[in-house]
Amino acid sequence: MGESDINAVNAILDIHTHKGEEQSGGKAIINYRQLAGTPLQEGYYYSVGIHPWELTPDNLKQQSDFIIEHLPDKRIVAIGEGGLDKLKGASMEIQTAAFMAQMTLSMEYDLPLILHNVRMTDKILAVKKQFRPGQPWIWHGFRGKPEQAEQLQGKGLYLSFGEFYSDEAMRAVSDDRLFLETDESSLDIEELLYRAARVRGVGVETLRETIRRNIQNVFFRA
């Protein structure tokens, strides 16, 4: 990894955003939308996956092929967001097929999996228990209670917090399991960092270093 690549990695604080390259300011892992039709840009890092809301019975293979085509690119550092949504999206049968395909690719390419989860925690944890993947799983946009945060950490998951969350849950996450994200928020990641530091009762630069260390260990591990 060259010096410019190291600098780009060190700038990242946001592990999941739907903002574009210029909007994200080089501080984010960008959720690369298959339907956008724009190429990957130099100097940025991305995740690529199949969102349950953009899934139909007719496009599962097309979207899976798209992921496979892009995975050799070193700018792709995660699979996702992918997962299960009980309230919206394709049928659960199709969602499950897409989720399993993404889990398999995560394992094959040794990439972390960014999870979309709406009321399907038990199913997702059952899959994790059955297949025992060695790759990190990150629940993005976590809004659950502190008890659930503790349960999920115990199952080996990482938790990523966006604009909306329970302060108690934020405090319940250990340093080495914590991420921040902007997702679709209009807020800058620096605003979320300052708020999270205040909630956790630590200095901003201390939390910045914690998040950067976690990003290095999970998304850019050797």
C-alpha atoms as a PDB file:
ATOM      1  CA  MET A   1       0.000   0.000   0.000  1.00  0.00           C
ATOM      2  CA  GLY A   2       1.515   3.331  -1.068  1.00  0.00           C
ATOM      3  CA  GLU A   3       1.694   6.479   1.047  1.00  0.00           C
ATOM      4  CA  SER A   4      -1.358   8.017  -0.660  1.00  0.00           C
ATOM      5  CA  ASP A   5      -3.343   4.842   0.009  1.00  0.00           C
ATOM      6  CA  ILE A   6      -2.310   4.868   3.681  1.00  0.00           C
ATOM      7  CA  ASN A   7      -3.369   8.501   3.993  1.00  0.00           C
ATOM      8  CA  ALA A   8      -6.739   7.703   2.390  1.00  0.00           C
ATOM      9  CA  VAL A   9      -7.318   4.825   4.799  1.00  0.00           C
ATOM     10  CA  ASN A  10      -6.323   6.928   7.828  1.00  0.00           C
ATOM     11  CA  ALA A  11      -8.855   9.595   6.831  1.00  0.00           C
ATOM     12  CA  ILE A  12     -11.811   7.185   6.990  1.00  0.00           C
ATOM     13  CA  LEU A  13     -14.171   7.480   9.970  1.00  0.00           C
ATOM     14  CA  ASP A  14     -17.487   6.576   8.313  1.00  0.00           C
ATOM     15  CA  ILE A  15     -17.921   2.880   7.500  1.00  0.00           C
ATOM     16  CA  HIS A  16     -21.201   3.198   5.603  1.00  0.00           C
ATOM     17  CA  THR A  17     -22.588   6.062   3.560  1.00  0.00           C
ATOM     18  CA  HIS A  18     -24.859   6.541   0.564  1.00  0.00           C
ATOM     19  CA  LYS A  19     -23.240   9.889  -0.172  1.00  0.00           C
ATOM     20  CA  GLY A  20     -21.128  10.294  -3.285  1.00  0.00           C
ATOM     21  CA  GLU A  21     -17.378  10.651  -3.426  1.00  0.00           C
ATOM     22  CA  GLU A  22     -17.200  14.436  -3.193  1.00  0.00           C
ATOM     23  CA  GLN A  23     -19.907  14.614  -0.524  1.00  0.00           C
ATOM     24  CA  SER A  24     -18.179  12.033   1.633  1.00  0.00           C
ATOM     25  CA  GLY A  25     -14.933  14.001   1.472  1.00  0.00           C
ATOM     26  CA  GLY A  26     -12.737  10.917   1.457  1.00  0.00           C
ATOM     27  CA  LYS A  27     -13.807  10.032   5.010  1.00  0.00           C
ATOM     28  CA  ALA A  28     -16.120   7.133   4.195  1.00  0.00           C
ATOM     29  CA  ILE A  29     -16.481   3.647   2.846  1.00  0.00           C
ATOM     30  CA  ILE A  30     -19.081   4.331   0.163  1.00  0.00           C
ATOM     31  CA  ASN A  31     -21.986   1.987  -0.404  1.00  0.00           C
ATOM     32  CA  TYR A  32     -21.596   1.405  -4.143  1.00  0.00           C
ATOM     33  CA  ARG A  33     -25.050   1.305  -5.658  1.00  0.00           C
ATOM     34  CA  GLN A  34     -25.301  -1.143  -8.508  1.00  0.00           C
ATOM     35  CA  LEU A  35     -28.138   0.778 -10.129  1.00  0.00           C
ATOM     36  CA  ALA A  36     -26.272   4.102 -10.207  1.00  0.00           C
ATOM     37  CA  GLY A  37     -24.166   3.207 -13.232  1.00  0.00           C
ATOM     38  CA  THR A  38     -21.125   5.278 -12.157  1.00  0.00           C
ATOM     39  CA  PRO A  39     -17.630   3.729 -12.042  1.00  0.00           C
ATOM     40  CA  LEU A  40     -15.465   3.345  -8.966  1.00  0.00           C
ATOM     41  CA  GLN A  41     -13.239   6.368  -8.405  1.00  0.00           C
ATOM     42  CA  GLU A  42      -9.541   6.410  -7.565  1.00  0.00           C
ATOM     43  CA  GLY A  43      -8.663   7.344  -3.998  1.00  0.00           C
ATOM     44  CA  TYR A  44     -11.934   6.052  -2.504  1.00  0.00           C
ATOM     45  CA  TYR A  45     -13.047   2.793  -0.907  1.00  0.00           C
ATOM     46  CA  TYR A  46     -16.367   1.000  -1.293  1.00  0.00           C
ATOM     47  CA  SER A  47     -18.660  -1.782  -0.195  1.00  0.00           C
ATOM     48  CA  VAL A  48     -20.741  -3.596  -2.781  1.00  0.00           C
ATOM     49  CA  GLY A  49     -23.805  -5.698  -2.089  1.00  0.00           C
ATOM     50  CA  ILE A  50     -27.444  -6.479  -2.769  1.00  0.00           C
ATOM     51  CA  HIS A  51     -29.813  -4.312  -0.755  1.00  0.00           C
ATOM     52  CA  PRO A  52     -33.121  -6.104   0.009  1.00  0.00           C
ATOM     53  CA  TRP A  53     -35.081  -3.094  -1.249  1.00  0.00           C
ATOM     54  CA  GLU A  54     -33.430  -3.269  -4.682  1.00  0.00           C
ATOM     55  CA  LEU A  55     -33.894  -6.998  -5.069  1.00  0.00           C
ATOM     56  CA  THR A  56     -36.408  -8.705  -7.358  1.00  0.00           C
ATOM     57  CA  PRO A  57     -36.802 -12.329  -8.468  1.00  0.00           C
ATOM     58  CA  ASP A  58     -35.492 -11.280 -11.867  1.00  0.00           C
ATOM     59  CA  ASN A  59     -32.325  -9.449 -10.868  1.00  0.00           C
ATOM     60  CA  LEU A  60     -30.738 -11.691  -8.216  1.00  0.00           C
ATOM     61  CA  LYS A  61     -28.316 -13.316 -10.661  1.00  0.00           C
ATOM     62  CA  GLN A  62     -27.525 -10.011 -12.354  1.00  0.00           C
ATOM     63  CA  GLN A  63     -26.722  -8.359  -9.027  1.00  0.00           C
ATOM     64  CA  SER A  64     -24.703 -11.343  -7.807  1.00  0.00           C
ATOM     65  CA  ASP A  65     -22.683 -11.331 -11.045  1.00  0.00           C
ATOM     66  CA  PHE A  66     -22.082  -7.596 -10.589  1.00  0.00           C
ATOM     67  CA  ILE A  67     -20.610  -8.180  -7.124  1.00  0.00           C
ATOM     68  CA  ILE A  68     -18.372 -10.992  -8.353  1.00  0.00           C
ATOM     69  CA  GLU A  69     -17.161  -8.817 -11.234  1.00  0.00           C
ATOM     70  CA  HIS A  70     -16.071  -6.041  -8.856  1.00  0.00           C
ATOM     71  CA  LEU A  71     -14.678  -8.012  -5.916  1.00  0.00           C
ATOM     72  CA  PRO A  72     -11.132  -8.346  -7.328  1.00  0.00           C
ATOM     73  CA  ASP A  73     -10.868  -4.537  -7.239  1.00  0.00           C
ATOM     74  CA  LYS A  74      -8.834  -3.531  -4.175  1.00  0.00           C
ATOM     75  CA  ARG A  75     -11.091  -0.521  -3.664  1.00  0.00           C
ATOM     76  CA  ILE A  76     -13.840  -2.922  -2.596  1.00  0.00           C
ATOM     77  CA  VAL A  77     -13.249  -3.536   1.117  1.00  0.00           C
ATOM     78  CA  ALA A  78     -16.602  -4.998   2.236  1.00  0.00           C
ATOM     79  CA  ILE A  79     -19.697  -6.868   1.086  1.00  0.00           C
ATOM     80  CA  GLY A  80     -23.003  -5.102   1.678  1.00  0.00           C
ATOM     81  CA  GLU A  81     -25.113  -3.692   2.685  1.00  0.00           C
ATOM     82  CA  GLY A  82     -27.019  -6.924   2.474  1.00  0.00           C
ATOM     83  CA  GLY A  83     -29.333  -8.781   4.779  1.00  0.00           C
ATOM     84  CA  LEU A  84     -32.966  -9.344   5.637  1.00  0.00           C
ATOM     85  CA  ASP A  85     -35.895  -6.947   6.003  1.00  0.00           C
ATOM     86  CA  LYS A  86     -39.218  -8.197   7.328  1.00  0.00           C
ATOM     87  CA  LEU A  87     -41.078  -4.996   6.442  1.00  0.00           C
ATOM     88  CA  LYS A  88     -39.880  -4.101   2.961  1.00  0.00           C
ATOM     89  CA  GLY A  89     -38.296  -5.582  -0.139  1.00  0.00           C
ATOM     90  CA  ALA A  90     -38.553  -8.841  -2.050  1.00  0.00           C
ATOM     91  CA  SER A  91     -40.048 -12.037  -0.672  1.00  0.00           C
ATOM     92  CA  MET A  92     -38.169 -13.549   2.246  1.00  0.00           C
ATOM     93  CA  GLU A  93     -37.217 -16.500   0.058  1.00  0.00           C
ATOM     94  CA  ILE A  94     -35.464 -14.213  -2.436  1.00  0.00           C
ATOM     95  CA  GLN A  95     -33.940 -12.072   0.325  1.00  0.00           C
ATOM     96  CA  THR A  96     -32.558 -15.182   2.015  1.00  0.00           C
ATOM     97  CA  ALA A  97     -31.014 -16.407  -1.239  1.00  0.00           C
ATOM     98  CA  ALA A  98     -29.319 -13.031  -1.742  1.00  0.00           C
ATOM     99  CA  PHE A  99     -28.126 -12.914   1.858  1.00  0.00           C
ATOM    100  CA  MET A 100     -26.650 -16.402   1.658  1.00  0.00           C
ATOM    101  CA  ALA A 101     -24.927 -15.553  -1.617  1.00  0.00           C
ATOM    102  CA  GLN A 102     -23.349 -12.473  -0.059  1.00  0.00           C
ATOM    103  CA  MET A 103     -22.263 -14.382   3.028  1.00  0.00           C
ATOM    104  CA  THR A 104     -20.600 -16.969   0.782  1.00  0.00           C
ATOM    105  CA  LEU A 105     -18.758 -14.255  -1.157  1.00  0.00           C
ATOM    106  CA  SER A 106     -17.711 -12.605   2.104  1.00  0.00           C
ATOM    107  CA  MET A 107     -16.157 -15.885   3.181  1.00  0.00           C
ATOM    108  CA  GLU A 108     -14.610 -16.641  -0.219  1.00  0.00           C
ATOM    109  CA  TYR A 109     -12.990 -13.204  -0.601  1.00  0.00           C
ATOM    110  CA  ASP A 110     -12.315 -12.759   3.131  1.00  0.00           C
ATOM    111  CA  LEU A 111     -14.212  -9.467   3.329  1.00  0.00           C
ATOM    112  CA  PRO A 112     -16.368  -8.096   6.169  1.00  0.00           C
ATOM    113  CA  LEU A 113     -20.148  -8.190   5.734  1.00  0.00           C
ATOM    114  CA  ILE A 114     -22.220  -5.052   6.403  1.00  0.00           C
ATOM    115  CA  LEU A 115     -25.674  -6.103   7.555  1.00  0.00           C
ATOM    116  CA  HIS A 116     -29.088  -4.635   6.833  1.00  0.00           C
ATOM    117  CA  ASN A 117     -31.425  -6.038   9.478  1.00  0.00           C
ATOM    118  CA  VAL A 118     -35.061  -5.156  10.111  1.00  0.00           C
ATOM    119  CA  ARG A 119     -36.761  -7.494  12.589  1.00  0.00           C
ATOM    120  CA  MET A 120     -34.776 -10.527  11.405  1.00  0.00           C
ATOM    121  CA  THR A 121     -32.165 -10.786  14.144  1.00  0.00           C
ATOM    122  CA  ASP A 122     -32.931 -14.383  15.101  1.00  0.00           C
ATOM    123  CA  LYS A 123     -32.631 -15.570  11.490  1.00  0.00           C
ATOM    124  CA  ILE A 124     -29.359 -13.719  10.918  1.00  0.00           C
ATOM    125  CA  LEU A 125     -27.850 -15.028  14.146  1.00  0.00           C
ATOM    126  CA  ALA A 126     -28.986 -18.557  13.259  1.00  0.00           C
ATOM    127  CA  VAL A 127     -27.158 -18.324   9.918  1.00  0.00           C
ATOM    128  CA  LYS A 128     -24.037 -17.037  11.652  1.00  0.00           C
ATOM    129  CA  LYS A 129     -24.164 -19.868  14.181  1.00  0.00           C
ATOM    130  CA  GLN A 130     -24.655 -22.485  11.457  1.00  0.00           C
ATOM    131  CA  PHE A 131     -21.867 -21.350   9.108  1.00  0.00           C
ATOM    132  CA  ARG A 132     -19.462 -19.801  11.641  1.00  0.00           C
ATOM    133  CA  PRO A 133     -17.877 -17.299   9.254  1.00  0.00           C
ATOM    134  CA  GLY A 134     -14.462 -16.010  10.253  1.00  0.00           C
ATOM    135  CA  GLN A 135     -15.089 -12.629   8.650  1.00  0.00           C
ATOM    136  CA  PRO A 136     -16.431  -9.679  10.677  1.00  0.00           C
ATOM    137  CA  TRP A 137     -20.167  -8.954  10.523  1.00  0.00           C
ATOM    138  CA  ILE A 138     -21.209  -5.342  11.147  1.00  0.00           C
ATOM    139  CA  TRP A 139     -24.807  -4.412  11.961  1.00  0.00           C
ATOM    140  CA  HIS A 140     -25.145  -1.002  10.364  1.00  0.00           C
ATOM    141  CA  GLY A 141     -27.454   1.704  11.708  1.00  0.00           C
ATOM    142  CA  PHE A 142     -27.962   0.012  15.065  1.00  0.00           C
ATOM    143  CA  ARG A 143     -30.897   1.471  17.017  1.00  0.00           C
ATOM    144  CA  GLY A 144     -31.560  -1.297  19.509  1.00  0.00           C
ATOM    145  CA  LYS A 145     -31.516  -1.350  23.290  1.00  0.00           C
ATOM    146  CA  PRO A 146     -28.361  -1.762  25.395  1.00  0.00           C
ATOM    147  CA  GLU A 147     -29.341  -5.331  26.269  1.00  0.00           C
ATOM    148  CA  GLN A 148     -29.471  -6.210  22.569  1.00  0.00           C
ATOM    149  CA  ALA A 149     -26.155  -4.464  21.961  1.00  0.00           C
ATOM    150  CA  GLU A 150     -24.557  -6.618  24.637  1.00  0.00           C
ATOM    151  CA  GLN A 151     -26.174  -9.766  23.213  1.00  0.00           C
ATOM    152  CA  LEU A 152     -24.932  -9.062  19.693  1.00  0.00           C
ATOM    153  CA  GLN A 153     -21.398  -8.324  20.850  1.00  0.00           C
ATOM    154  CA  GLY A 154     -21.473 -11.638  22.657  1.00  0.00           C
ATOM    155  CA  LYS A 155     -22.318 -13.277  19.331  1.00  0.00           C
ATOM    156  CA  GLY A 156     -19.282 -11.653  17.723  1.00  0.00           C
ATOM    157  CA  LEU A 157     -20.977  -8.803  15.855  1.00  0.00           C
ATOM    158  CA  TYR A 158     -19.735  -5.249  15.465  1.00  0.00           C
ATOM    159  CA  LEU A 159     -22.228  -2.383  15.818  1.00  0.00           C
ATOM    160  CA  SER A 160     -22.259   0.786  13.720  1.00  0.00           C
ATOM    161  CA  PHE A 161     -24.172   3.866  14.914  1.00  0.00           C
ATOM    162  CA  GLY A 162     -25.585   6.617  12.726  1.00  0.00           C
ATOM    163  CA  GLU A 163     -27.628   9.704  13.489  1.00  0.00           C
ATOM    164  CA  PHE A 164     -30.315   8.004  15.586  1.00  0.00           C
ATOM    165  CA  TYR A 165     -29.609   5.652  18.476  1.00  0.00           C
ATOM    166  CA  SER A 166     -30.041   5.042  22.182  1.00  0.00           C
ATOM    167  CA  ASP A 167     -27.332   6.729  24.248  1.00  0.00           C
ATOM    168  CA  GLU A 168     -27.429   3.757  26.612  1.00  0.00           C
ATOM    169  CA  ALA A 169     -26.780   1.361  23.727  1.00  0.00           C
ATOM    170  CA  MET A 170     -23.897   3.499  22.503  1.00  0.00           C
ATOM    171  CA  ARG A 171     -22.329   3.291  25.958  1.00  0.00           C
ATOM    172  CA  ALA A 172     -22.888  -0.480  26.090  1.00  0.00           C
ATOM    173  CA  VAL A 173     -20.592  -1.181  23.130  1.00  0.00           C
ATOM    174  CA  SER A 174     -16.963  -1.984  23.853  1.00  0.00           C
ATOM    175  CA  ASP A 175     -14.297   0.095  22.144  1.00  0.00           C
ATOM    176  CA  ASP A 176     -13.195  -2.711  19.844  1.00  0.00           C
ATOM    177  CA  ARG A 177     -16.732  -3.385  18.518  1.00  0.00           C
ATOM    178  CA  LEU A 178     -17.753   0.185  17.671  1.00  0.00           C
ATOM    179  CA  PHE A 179     -18.183   1.958  14.331  1.00  0.00           C
ATOM    180  CA  LEU A 180     -19.839   5.180  13.156  1.00  0.00           C
ATOM    181  CA  GLU A 181     -21.649   5.917   9.900  1.00  0.00           C
ATOM    182  CA  THR A 182     -23.624   8.630   8.143  1.00  0.00           C
ATOM    183  CA  ASP A 183     -25.740   6.230   6.035  1.00  0.00           C
ATOM    184  CA  GLU A 184     -28.322   8.580   4.440  1.00  0.00           C
ATOM    185  CA  SER A 185     -28.020  11.337   7.045  1.00  0.00           C
ATOM    186  CA  SER A 186     -27.244  14.896   5.973  1.00  0.00           C
ATOM    187  CA  LEU A 187     -24.884  15.217   8.959  1.00  0.00           C
ATOM    188  CA  ASP A 188     -21.119  15.066   8.556  1.00  0.00           C
ATOM    189  CA  ILE A 189     -19.259  12.198  10.168  1.00  0.00           C
ATOM    190  CA  GLU A 190     -17.365  14.704  12.330  1.00  0.00           C
ATOM    191  CA  GLU A 191     -20.654  15.788  13.913  1.00  0.00           C
ATOM    192  CA  LEU A 192     -21.479  12.180  14.702  1.00  0.00           C
ATOM    193  CA  LEU A 193     -18.000  11.629  16.108  1.00  0.00           C
ATOM    194  CA  TYR A 194     -18.316  14.609  18.469  1.00  0.00           C
ATOM    195  CA  ARG A 195     -21.742  13.482  19.662  1.00  0.00           C
ATOM    196  CA  ALA A 196     -20.597   9.885  20.208  1.00  0.00           C
ATOM    197  CA  ALA A 197     -17.579  11.076  22.193  1.00  0.00           C
ATOM    198  CA  ARG A 198     -19.841  13.159  24.416  1.00  0.00           C
ATOM    199  CA  VAL A 199     -22.243  10.238  24.941  1.00  0.00           C
ATOM    200  CA  ARG A 200     -19.416   7.836  25.763  1.00  0.00           C
ATOM    201  CA  GLY A 201     -17.667  10.349  28.002  1.00  0.00           C
ATOM    202  CA  VAL A 202     -14.338  10.299  26.162  1.00  0.00           C
ATOM    203  CA  GLY A 203     -12.270  12.826  24.276  1.00  0.00           C
ATOM    204  CA  VAL A 204     -12.992  13.345  20.591  1.00  0.00           C
ATOM    205  CA  GLU A 205      -9.447  12.476  19.535  1.00  0.00           C
ATOM    206  CA  THR A 206      -9.491   9.383  21.721  1.00  0.00           C
ATOM    207  CA  LEU A 207     -12.652   8.163  20.014  1.00  0.00           C
ATOM    208  CA  ARG A 208     -11.289   9.122  16.597  1.00  0.00           C
ATOM    209  CA  GLU A 209      -8.281   6.897  17.201  1.00  0.00           C
ATOM    210  CA  THR A 210     -10.533   4.066  18.430  1.00  0.00           C
ATOM    211  CA  ILE A 211     -12.670   4.201  15.281  1.00  0.00           C
ATOM    212  CA  ARG A 212      -9.643   4.413  13.000  1.00  0.00           C
ATOM    213  CA  ARG A 213      -8.044   1.435  14.727  1.00  0.00           C
ATOM    214  CA  ASN A 214     -11.228  -0.611  14.308  1.00  0.00           C
ATOM    215  CA  ILE A 215     -11.473   0.340  10.635  1.00  0.00           C
ATOM    216  CA  GLN A 216      -7.879  -0.728  10.093  1.00  0.00           C
ATOM    217  CA  ASN A 217      -8.394  -4.022  11.912  1.00  0.00           C
ATOM    218  CA  VAL A 218     -11.660  -4.930  10.177  1.00  0.00           C
ATOM    219  CA  PHE A 219     -11.570  -3.428   6.683  1.00  0.00           C
ATOM    220  CA  PHE A 220      -7.852  -3.123   5.947  1.00  0.00           C
ATOM    221  CA  ARG A 221      -6.318  -5.990   7.872  1.00  0.00           C
ATOM    222  CA  ALA A 222      -3.296  -7.560   6.226  1.00  0.00           C
END
